[in-house]
Amino acid sequence: MFGPNRTVAAFGRSATYDEALPDLEAALAWARDEANGAPVVVLGSSYSAALVFVLAAAHPGEVAAVVAFSPGEYLATPHEVASAA
């Protein structure tokens, strides 16, 4: 479960906000597998709060709830978070 950050290794630098979405996709896949049918709730704070709205919108029916603390429009596409919410 723990180890080197594969995103940083692949890019050779820290990821942008938008480039972090695949990490959340992987976390959602892991949570679905581990949940054994239980509801999956996604949580984010600051820029990851913006991303969990996008994640949930991309996976309707897979995310039971979104907990977003202090989301903002940090992503490259204007109003992407508001549109996803």
N, C-alpha and C. Protein backbone atom coordinates (compact mmCIF):
# COMPACT_ATOMS: atom_id res chain seq x y z
N MET A 1 0.82 -1.18 0.00
CA MET A 1 0.00 0.00 0.00
C MET A 1 0.86 1.25 0.00
N PHE A 2 1.94 1.27 0.73
CA PHE A 2 2.80 2.43 0.79
C PHE A 2 4.03 2.19 -0.08
N GLY A 3 4.61 3.24 -0.55
CA GLY A 3 5.79 3.14 -1.39
C GLY A 3 6.04 4.46 -2.08
N PRO A 4 6.88 4.43 -3.09
CA PRO A 4 7.19 5.68 -3.78
C PRO A 4 5.97 6.24 -4.51
N ASN A 5 5.93 7.53 -4.65
CA ASN A 5 4.85 8.19 -5.38
C ASN A 5 5.06 7.96 -6.86
N ARG A 6 4.21 7.14 -7.46
CA ARG A 6 4.37 6.77 -8.87
C ARG A 6 4.11 7.94 -9.81
N THR A 7 3.23 8.85 -9.41
CA THR A 7 2.96 10.01 -10.25
C THR A 7 4.19 10.89 -10.36
N VAL A 8 4.82 11.17 -9.24
CA VAL A 8 6.04 11.98 -9.25
C VAL A 8 7.13 11.26 -10.03
N ALA A 9 7.24 9.96 -9.86
CA ALA A 9 8.25 9.20 -10.59
C ALA A 9 8.00 9.25 -12.10
N ALA A 10 6.74 9.16 -12.51
CA ALA A 10 6.41 9.17 -13.94
C ALA A 10 6.66 10.53 -14.57
N PHE A 11 6.31 11.60 -13.85
CA PHE A 11 6.48 12.94 -14.40
C PHE A 11 7.87 13.51 -14.17
N GLY A 12 8.58 12.97 -13.17
CA GLY A 12 9.88 13.53 -12.81
C GLY A 12 9.75 14.86 -12.09
N ARG A 13 8.54 15.14 -11.58
CA ARG A 13 8.25 16.38 -10.86
C ARG A 13 6.92 16.18 -10.14
N SER A 14 6.57 17.11 -9.29
CA SER A 14 5.26 17.05 -8.66
C SER A 14 4.18 17.26 -9.71
N ALA A 15 3.05 16.66 -9.50
CA ALA A 15 1.94 16.76 -10.44
C ALA A 15 1.19 18.08 -10.27
N THR A 16 0.57 18.53 -11.35
CA THR A 16 -0.35 19.67 -11.23
C THR A 16 -1.63 19.16 -10.57
N TYR A 17 -2.51 20.07 -10.23
CA TYR A 17 -3.76 19.66 -9.61
C TYR A 17 -4.51 18.67 -10.50
N ASP A 18 -4.64 19.00 -11.77
CA ASP A 18 -5.36 18.12 -12.70
C ASP A 18 -4.68 16.76 -12.86
N GLU A 19 -3.37 16.75 -12.84
CA GLU A 19 -2.62 15.50 -13.03
C GLU A 19 -2.72 14.57 -11.82
N ALA A 20 -3.25 15.06 -10.71
CA ALA A 20 -3.42 14.22 -9.52
C ALA A 20 -4.69 13.37 -9.60
N LEU A 21 -5.57 13.66 -10.54
CA LEU A 21 -6.83 12.90 -10.65
C LEU A 21 -6.62 11.40 -10.84
N PRO A 22 -5.66 10.95 -11.66
CA PRO A 22 -5.45 9.49 -11.77
C PRO A 22 -5.12 8.82 -10.43
N ASP A 23 -4.48 9.54 -9.53
CA ASP A 23 -4.22 8.97 -8.20
C ASP A 23 -5.53 8.74 -7.46
N LEU A 24 -6.45 9.68 -7.58
CA LEU A 24 -7.75 9.51 -6.94
C LEU A 24 -8.56 8.41 -7.61
N GLU A 25 -8.42 8.28 -8.92
CA GLU A 25 -9.07 7.18 -9.65
C GLU A 25 -8.58 5.84 -9.09
N ALA A 26 -7.28 5.73 -8.89
CA ALA A 26 -6.70 4.50 -8.34
C ALA A 26 -7.18 4.25 -6.92
N ALA A 27 -7.28 5.31 -6.12
CA ALA A 27 -7.77 5.17 -4.75
C ALA A 27 -9.22 4.72 -4.73
N LEU A 28 -10.02 5.25 -5.67
CA LEU A 28 -11.42 4.83 -5.75
C LEU A 28 -11.52 3.36 -6.15
N ALA A 29 -10.72 2.94 -7.10
CA ALA A 29 -10.72 1.53 -7.51
C ALA A 29 -10.36 0.63 -6.33
N TRP A 30 -9.35 1.03 -5.58
CA TRP A 30 -8.93 0.25 -4.41
C TRP A 30 -10.07 0.20 -3.37
N ALA A 31 -10.69 1.36 -3.11
CA ALA A 31 -11.76 1.41 -2.12
C ALA A 31 -12.94 0.55 -2.54
N ARG A 32 -13.31 0.58 -3.81
CA ARG A 32 -14.41 -0.27 -4.30
C ARG A 32 -14.09 -1.74 -4.07
N ASP A 33 -12.86 -2.13 -4.39
CA ASP A 33 -12.46 -3.53 -4.21
C ASP A 33 -12.48 -3.94 -2.74
N GLU A 34 -12.04 -3.06 -1.87
CA GLU A 34 -11.94 -3.37 -0.45
C GLU A 34 -13.27 -3.23 0.28
N ALA A 35 -14.21 -2.49 -0.28
CA ALA A 35 -15.46 -2.19 0.41
C ALA A 35 -16.42 -3.38 0.46
N ASN A 36 -16.22 -4.37 -0.40
CA ASN A 36 -17.09 -5.54 -0.43
C ASN A 36 -18.57 -5.17 -0.48
N GLY A 37 -18.89 -4.19 -1.33
CA GLY A 37 -20.28 -3.79 -1.51
C GLY A 37 -20.76 -2.68 -0.60
N ALA A 38 -19.96 -2.31 0.39
CA ALA A 38 -20.34 -1.20 1.27
C ALA A 38 -20.21 0.12 0.50
N PRO A 39 -20.94 1.13 0.90
CA PRO A 39 -20.86 2.43 0.22
C PRO A 39 -19.45 3.02 0.32
N VAL A 40 -19.03 3.68 -0.75
CA VAL A 40 -17.72 4.34 -0.78
C VAL A 40 -17.94 5.84 -0.70
N VAL A 41 -17.29 6.47 0.27
CA VAL A 41 -17.35 7.91 0.47
C VAL A 41 -15.97 8.47 0.12
N VAL A 42 -15.95 9.54 -0.68
CA VAL A 42 -14.68 10.17 -1.02
C VAL A 42 -14.54 11.48 -0.26
N LEU A 43 -13.33 11.78 0.15
CA LEU A 43 -13.03 12.95 0.98
C LEU A 43 -11.90 13.73 0.35
N GLY A 44 -12.02 15.04 0.36
CA GLY A 44 -10.93 15.88 -0.12
C GLY A 44 -10.88 17.17 0.67
N SER A 45 -9.70 17.76 0.70
CA SER A 45 -9.49 19.04 1.36
C SER A 45 -8.68 19.93 0.43
N SER A 46 -9.11 21.16 0.26
CA SER A 46 -8.46 22.12 -0.62
C SER A 46 -8.52 21.63 -2.06
N TYR A 47 -7.36 21.50 -2.74
CA TYR A 47 -7.45 21.11 -4.15
C TYR A 47 -7.98 19.69 -4.32
N SER A 48 -7.73 18.80 -3.38
CA SER A 48 -8.30 17.46 -3.52
C SER A 48 -9.81 17.49 -3.29
N ALA A 49 -10.32 18.49 -2.58
CA ALA A 49 -11.77 18.66 -2.46
C ALA A 49 -12.36 19.00 -3.82
N ALA A 50 -11.64 19.78 -4.60
CA ALA A 50 -12.09 20.08 -5.97
C ALA A 50 -12.10 18.80 -6.80
N LEU A 51 -11.07 18.00 -6.65
CA LEU A 51 -10.96 16.79 -7.45
C LEU A 51 -12.00 15.73 -7.09
N VAL A 52 -12.41 15.64 -5.82
CA VAL A 52 -13.40 14.61 -5.49
C VAL A 52 -14.75 14.89 -6.14
N PHE A 53 -15.07 16.14 -6.40
CA PHE A 53 -16.30 16.44 -7.14
C PHE A 53 -16.19 15.91 -8.57
N VAL A 54 -15.05 16.14 -9.20
CA VAL A 54 -14.81 15.66 -10.57
C VAL A 54 -14.82 14.14 -10.58
N LEU A 55 -14.18 13.52 -9.61
CA LEU A 55 -14.13 12.06 -9.50
C LEU A 55 -15.54 11.48 -9.36
N ALA A 56 -16.33 12.04 -8.45
CA ALA A 56 -17.68 11.52 -8.23
C ALA A 56 -18.56 11.71 -9.47
N ALA A 57 -18.40 12.83 -10.16
CA ALA A 57 -19.19 13.07 -11.37
C ALA A 57 -18.82 12.08 -12.48
N ALA A 58 -17.57 11.67 -12.51
CA ALA A 58 -17.11 10.71 -13.52
C ALA A 58 -17.51 9.28 -13.18
N HIS A 59 -17.91 9.03 -11.93
CA HIS A 59 -18.24 7.67 -11.48
C HIS A 59 -19.59 7.65 -10.77
N PRO A 60 -20.65 8.06 -11.46
CA PRO A 60 -21.97 8.02 -10.80
C PRO A 60 -22.33 6.58 -10.43
N GLY A 61 -22.87 6.43 -9.28
CA GLY A 61 -23.24 5.09 -8.82
C GLY A 61 -22.13 4.37 -8.08
N GLU A 62 -20.91 4.85 -8.19
CA GLU A 62 -19.79 4.22 -7.49
C GLU A 62 -19.42 4.97 -6.21
N VAL A 63 -19.78 6.24 -6.15
CA VAL A 63 -19.46 7.07 -4.99
C VAL A 63 -20.77 7.38 -4.27
N ALA A 64 -20.85 6.96 -3.01
CA ALA A 64 -22.08 7.15 -2.24
C ALA A 64 -22.21 8.57 -1.71
N ALA A 65 -21.07 9.21 -1.41
CA ALA A 65 -21.10 10.56 -0.85
C ALA A 65 -19.77 11.24 -1.08
N VAL A 66 -19.82 12.56 -1.06
CA VAL A 66 -18.61 13.38 -1.20
C VAL A 66 -18.51 14.26 0.04
N VAL A 67 -17.34 14.26 0.66
CA VAL A 67 -17.05 15.18 1.76
C VAL A 67 -15.94 16.08 1.25
N ALA A 68 -16.26 17.36 1.11
CA ALA A 68 -15.30 18.31 0.53
C ALA A 68 -15.10 19.48 1.48
N PHE A 69 -13.90 19.58 2.01
CA PHE A 69 -13.56 20.68 2.91
C PHE A 69 -12.77 21.72 2.14
N SER A 70 -13.34 22.89 1.99
CA SER A 70 -12.69 24.04 1.36
C SER A 70 -12.30 23.81 -0.10
N PRO A 71 -13.26 23.36 -0.93
CA PRO A 71 -12.93 23.21 -2.35
C PRO A 71 -12.81 24.56 -3.02
N GLY A 72 -12.10 24.59 -4.12
CA GLY A 72 -11.96 25.81 -4.91
C GLY A 72 -11.82 25.45 -6.37
N GLU A 73 -11.86 26.46 -7.20
CA GLU A 73 -11.70 26.25 -8.64
C GLU A 73 -10.21 26.29 -8.99
N TYR A 74 -9.49 25.26 -8.57
CA TYR A 74 -8.04 25.18 -8.78
C TYR A 74 -7.66 24.54 -10.11
N LEU A 75 -8.61 23.92 -10.79
CA LEU A 75 -8.30 23.09 -11.95
C LEU A 75 -8.17 23.95 -13.21
N ALA A 76 -7.59 23.39 -14.24
CA ALA A 76 -7.28 24.14 -15.46
C ALA A 76 -8.54 24.56 -16.22
N THR A 77 -9.57 23.74 -16.20
CA THR A 77 -10.82 24.07 -16.90
C THR A 77 -11.67 24.99 -16.01
N PRO A 78 -12.00 26.18 -16.49
CA PRO A 78 -12.81 27.09 -15.67
C PRO A 78 -14.14 26.48 -15.26
N HIS A 79 -14.52 26.66 -14.01
CA HIS A 79 -15.79 26.21 -13.45
C HIS A 79 -15.99 24.70 -13.49
N GLU A 80 -14.91 23.94 -13.61
CA GLU A 80 -15.03 22.48 -13.67
C GLU A 80 -15.62 21.91 -12.38
N VAL A 81 -15.22 22.48 -11.26
CA VAL A 81 -15.70 21.97 -9.98
C VAL A 81 -17.20 22.27 -9.82
N ALA A 82 -17.60 23.48 -10.12
CA ALA A 82 -19.02 23.84 -10.01
C ALA A 82 -19.86 22.99 -10.96
N SER A 83 -19.36 22.72 -12.14
CA SER A 83 -20.10 21.89 -13.09
C SER A 83 -20.23 20.46 -12.59
N ALA A 84 -19.17 19.94 -11.98
CA ALA A 84 -19.19 18.56 -11.47
C ALA A 84 -20.08 18.43 -10.25
N ALA A 85 -20.12 19.49 -9.44
CA ALA A 85 -20.92 19.44 -8.21
C ALA A 85 -22.38 19.47 -8.55
